[in-house]
């Protein structure tokens, strides 16, 4: 004949809309918890007062409850939340007047009726206040228009840089003649000794690059009027004094630089980075996050950003003798100073600022990567 079933210690508390049950079992396994005909049936294996055994109990509630309890297990206990069908205060938990021996009040969560009513009132007031605050915030009638503009902007930029990337990749395999891998392996810099097949990169790609980088000036406007959360000053420095300076001032004004192999690497690194950045922002505008794209957005820059900065630095170094010889952009001050500001000197200062900027931006992007891809903090149970 089977002996009486083991019952765990159960503590209970209530609110106007909910019942809370705490079952004192640790390391719970295979819990079976159901509510039928207003009776809660519990059966599980765990470690309780009688050691590691199967424990079970039944509770017939005083008034009707919802048939779907919510359970949450921890290493020390099992918590059950049951919704009342009607919001009111019960004089006891069970239909039987005599309280079962295994059942006791949960004094950690216990409230009397007046305290529970005050808590309920505070929650309702908090909800009303939240609704009032939300109603005070003016609705933006141009919200969808702004979102549509940002989607189109990122899409156009993505298509533009995709064209650049595909075009240059085709040129790399068709015109490279297999020499690129040898040069990249033999020389860490690799920009000065590549095959002459890249000499017309600027003339082939420059129109699209001009278009994309001119359009990138809109990123400053987007930040200025608050369409995006990017800070204004870094946007100005990155767009105007970064790529656009190299593209329009160095490459755009010196024909001697336009046939240099370094142009290929500058354009190639720029385009690869944007292949991940613009689609990521475009999907973010419509609330979509694709994890592989997020990983690429915050990982691809690790090799590409320093390589792009190195290519820009090589471009500036190669342009300094040309500016010295031509005197272009050098500024002669009027007498009595009789001083000339040599543009090559400005480029030398810019070169130092370029490496400092790469370092600062590298730290910023690394923090962003940790924020988006770092380990998630575990929630306290």
Foldseek 3Di string as FASTA:
>chain_A
DDDDAAAFAWAWADFQWKIKIKTFFFPWDDWDWWADPQKIWTWIFGQGPVGTDIHIDMARFQAAWDTDWDWDDDRGIIMIMITRPGRDDDPDGGNDPDDDPSYYHDVVPYDDHVVSVVVVVVVVVVVVVVVVVVVPPDDDPCLVVLLVVLLVLLVVLLVLLVVLQVVLVVLCVPQQVPCQVVQVVVDVLSQQDGDLSCQQSCVVNVVSVVVNLVSLVVVLVCQVVVSDVDHNVVSCCCRVVNPVCCNCVQCVPDVVLSRGSLVSLLSNLVSVLSNLVSVQSSCVSVPDDDPVSLCCNLPVCPVSVVSNLSSSLVSLVVRLVVCVVVVPPWAADDPPVRDIRRVSVVSVVSSVVSVVVSVVVVVVSVVVCCVVPNDDDDDDD
